[in-house]
Amino acid sequence: MYMRIHEKKEETIVAVCDEKLLGKTIGEKDIEITIKREFYGKEGFSQEEIKEAMKKATIGNLVGKNSVELGIKHGFIDKDHVIEINGTPHAQMVLL
């Protein structure tokens, strides 16, 4: 999985995507997402590294089966709030 951590003022945004999705555009109806290296990163990380980064995240953006399943497994994402875009799982989390 690819990951990039963005730090903006008080926010820590962790973007994670499955390797096979990087550089692709997924979409249907009114929703389209381009999984760009600039946002999701240029480097692969282990599940443990991603889990540790997500613990510090105030915002999370996960795209792909493996990425979203990792978020659910570790309690960052509620499985009932995952959407699918053309068959690809996508989830976001925000700490308030």
C-alpha atoms as a PDB file:
ATOM      1  CA  MET A   1       0.000   0.000   0.000  1.00  0.00           C
ATOM      2  CA  TYR A   2       1.072   3.551  -0.633  1.00  0.00           C
ATOM      3  CA  MET A   3       0.809   6.279   1.974  1.00  0.00           C
ATOM      4  CA  ARG A   4       1.535   9.950   2.347  1.00  0.00           C
ATOM      5  CA  ILE A   5       1.194  12.067   5.461  1.00  0.00           C
ATOM      6  CA  HIS A   6       0.162  15.694   4.958  1.00  0.00           C
ATOM      7  CA  GLU A   7       0.553  18.147   7.832  1.00  0.00           C
ATOM      8  CA  LYS A   8      -1.618  21.269   7.541  1.00  0.00           C
ATOM      9  CA  LYS A   9      -1.825  23.566  10.569  1.00  0.00           C
ATOM     10  CA  GLU A  10      -3.409  21.411  13.308  1.00  0.00           C
ATOM     11  CA  GLU A  11      -4.423  18.608  10.926  1.00  0.00           C
ATOM     12  CA  THR A  12      -2.568  15.413  10.104  1.00  0.00           C
ATOM     13  CA  ILE A  13      -4.009  13.900   6.943  1.00  0.00           C
ATOM     14  CA  VAL A  14      -3.063  10.308   6.169  1.00  0.00           C
ATOM     15  CA  ALA A  15      -3.809   9.192   2.604  1.00  0.00           C
ATOM     16  CA  VAL A  16      -3.582   5.460   1.837  1.00  0.00           C
ATOM     17  CA  CYS A  17      -4.280   3.527  -1.351  1.00  0.00           C
ATOM     18  CA  ASP A  18      -3.801   0.055  -2.725  1.00  0.00           C
ATOM     19  CA  GLU A  19      -0.739  -0.255  -4.927  1.00  0.00           C
ATOM     20  CA  LYS A  20      -2.687  -1.279  -8.049  1.00  0.00           C
ATOM     21  CA  LEU A  21      -4.819   1.890  -7.881  1.00  0.00           C
ATOM     22  CA  LEU A  22      -2.018   4.451  -7.861  1.00  0.00           C
ATOM     23  CA  GLY A  23      -2.258   6.662 -10.934  1.00  0.00           C
ATOM     24  CA  LYS A  24      -5.730   5.468 -11.913  1.00  0.00           C
ATOM     25  CA  THR A  25      -9.077   7.250 -12.036  1.00  0.00           C
ATOM     26  CA  ILE A  26     -12.168   5.519 -10.695  1.00  0.00           C
ATOM     27  CA  GLY A  27     -15.651   6.834 -11.111  1.00  0.00           C
ATOM     28  CA  GLU A  28     -19.336   6.363 -11.669  1.00  0.00           C
ATOM     29  CA  LYS A  29     -22.312   8.698 -11.923  1.00  0.00           C
ATOM     30  CA  ASP A  30     -21.347  11.962 -10.196  1.00  0.00           C
ATOM     31  CA  ILE A  31     -18.251  10.678  -8.364  1.00  0.00           C
ATOM     32  CA  GLU A  32     -14.747  10.499  -9.794  1.00  0.00           C
ATOM     33  CA  ILE A  33     -11.457  10.154  -7.929  1.00  0.00           C
ATOM     34  CA  THR A  34      -7.976  10.249  -9.419  1.00  0.00           C
ATOM     35  CA  ILE A  35      -5.513   8.437  -7.176  1.00  0.00           C
ATOM     36  CA  LYS A  36      -2.507  10.726  -7.627  1.00  0.00           C
ATOM     37  CA  ARG A  37       1.038  10.110  -6.367  1.00  0.00           C
ATOM     38  CA  GLU A  38       1.115  13.705  -5.150  1.00  0.00           C
ATOM     39  CA  PHE A  39      -1.625  12.922  -2.629  1.00  0.00           C
ATOM     40  CA  TYR A  40      -1.256   9.187  -1.901  1.00  0.00           C
ATOM     41  CA  GLY A  41       2.533   9.043  -2.040  1.00  0.00           C
ATOM     42  CA  LYS A  42       5.328   7.546  -4.065  1.00  0.00           C
ATOM     43  CA  GLU A  43       6.463   4.960  -1.552  1.00  0.00           C
ATOM     44  CA  GLY A  44       5.067   1.696  -0.243  1.00  0.00           C
ATOM     45  CA  PHE A  45       4.583   1.067   3.481  1.00  0.00           C
ATOM     46  CA  SER A  46       3.866  -1.959   5.653  1.00  0.00           C
ATOM     47  CA  GLN A  47       0.518  -2.476   7.352  1.00  0.00           C
ATOM     48  CA  GLU A  48       2.168  -1.777  10.718  1.00  0.00           C
ATOM     49  CA  GLU A  49       3.604   1.545   9.501  1.00  0.00           C
ATOM     50  CA  ILE A  50       0.214   2.584   8.136  1.00  0.00           C
ATOM     51  CA  LYS A  51      -1.541   1.575  11.367  1.00  0.00           C
ATOM     52  CA  GLU A  52       0.884   3.706  13.404  1.00  0.00           C
ATOM     53  CA  ALA A  53       0.399   6.699  11.083  1.00  0.00           C
ATOM     54  CA  MET A  54      -3.397   6.355  11.284  1.00  0.00           C
ATOM     55  CA  LYS A  55      -3.205   6.515  15.092  1.00  0.00           C
ATOM     56  CA  LYS A  56      -1.880  10.082  14.720  1.00  0.00           C
ATOM     57  CA  ALA A  57      -4.254  11.118  11.922  1.00  0.00           C
ATOM     58  CA  THR A  58      -6.975  13.695  12.370  1.00  0.00           C
ATOM     59  CA  ILE A  59      -8.190  12.981   8.828  1.00  0.00           C
ATOM     60  CA  GLY A  60      -7.835   9.725   6.913  1.00  0.00           C
ATOM     61  CA  ASN A  61      -8.513   8.992   3.266  1.00  0.00           C
ATOM     62  CA  LEU A  62      -8.368   5.328   2.229  1.00  0.00           C
ATOM     63  CA  VAL A  63      -8.984   3.864  -1.230  1.00  0.00           C
ATOM     64  CA  GLY A  64      -8.921   0.215  -2.223  1.00  0.00           C
ATOM     65  CA  LYS A  65      -9.875  -3.125  -0.718  1.00  0.00           C
ATOM     66  CA  ASN A  66      -6.664  -3.687   1.271  1.00  0.00           C
ATOM     67  CA  SER A  67      -6.410  -0.109   2.538  1.00  0.00           C
ATOM     68  CA  VAL A  68     -10.032   0.080   3.675  1.00  0.00           C
ATOM     69  CA  GLU A  69      -9.891  -3.382   5.275  1.00  0.00           C
ATOM     70  CA  LEU A  70      -6.834  -2.302   7.269  1.00  0.00           C
ATOM     71  CA  GLY A  71      -8.745   0.778   8.460  1.00  0.00           C
ATOM     72  CA  ILE A  72     -11.709  -1.357   9.523  1.00  0.00           C
ATOM     73  CA  LYS A  73      -9.528  -4.012  11.196  1.00  0.00           C
ATOM     74  CA  HIS A  74      -7.856  -1.430  13.446  1.00  0.00           C
ATOM     75  CA  GLY A  75     -11.002   0.554  14.237  1.00  0.00           C
ATOM     76  CA  PHE A  76     -10.294   3.709  12.238  1.00  0.00           C
ATOM     77  CA  ILE A  77     -13.156   3.076   9.803  1.00  0.00           C
ATOM     78  CA  ASP A  78     -16.699   1.856  10.472  1.00  0.00           C
ATOM     79  CA  LYS A  79     -17.549  -0.767   7.836  1.00  0.00           C
ATOM     80  CA  ASP A  80     -21.084   0.622   7.582  1.00  0.00           C
ATOM     81  CA  HIS A  81     -19.693   3.929   6.295  1.00  0.00           C
ATOM     82  CA  VAL A  82     -17.600   2.593   3.419  1.00  0.00           C
ATOM     83  CA  ILE A  83     -18.742   3.569  -0.056  1.00  0.00           C
ATOM     84  CA  GLU A  84     -17.907   1.836  -3.302  1.00  0.00           C
ATOM     85  CA  ILE A  85     -16.979   3.753  -6.407  1.00  0.00           C
ATOM     86  CA  ASN A  86     -17.292   1.494  -9.411  1.00  0.00           C
ATOM     87  CA  GLY A  87     -16.575  -1.497  -7.158  1.00  0.00           C
ATOM     88  CA  THR A  88     -13.616   0.094  -5.342  1.00  0.00           C
ATOM     89  CA  PRO A  89     -14.004   0.664  -1.573  1.00  0.00           C
ATOM     90  CA  HIS A  90     -13.402   4.213  -0.332  1.00  0.00           C
ATOM     91  CA  ALA A  91     -13.589   5.568   3.210  1.00  0.00           C
ATOM     92  CA  GLN A  92     -12.728   8.728   5.067  1.00  0.00           C
ATOM     93  CA  MET A  93     -12.375   9.451   8.756  1.00  0.00           C
ATOM     94  CA  VAL A  94     -12.333  12.727  10.646  1.00  0.00           C
ATOM     95  CA  LEU A  95     -11.618  13.235  14.324  1.00  0.00           C
ATOM     96  CA  LEU A  96     -13.729  15.978  15.867  1.00  0.00           C
END
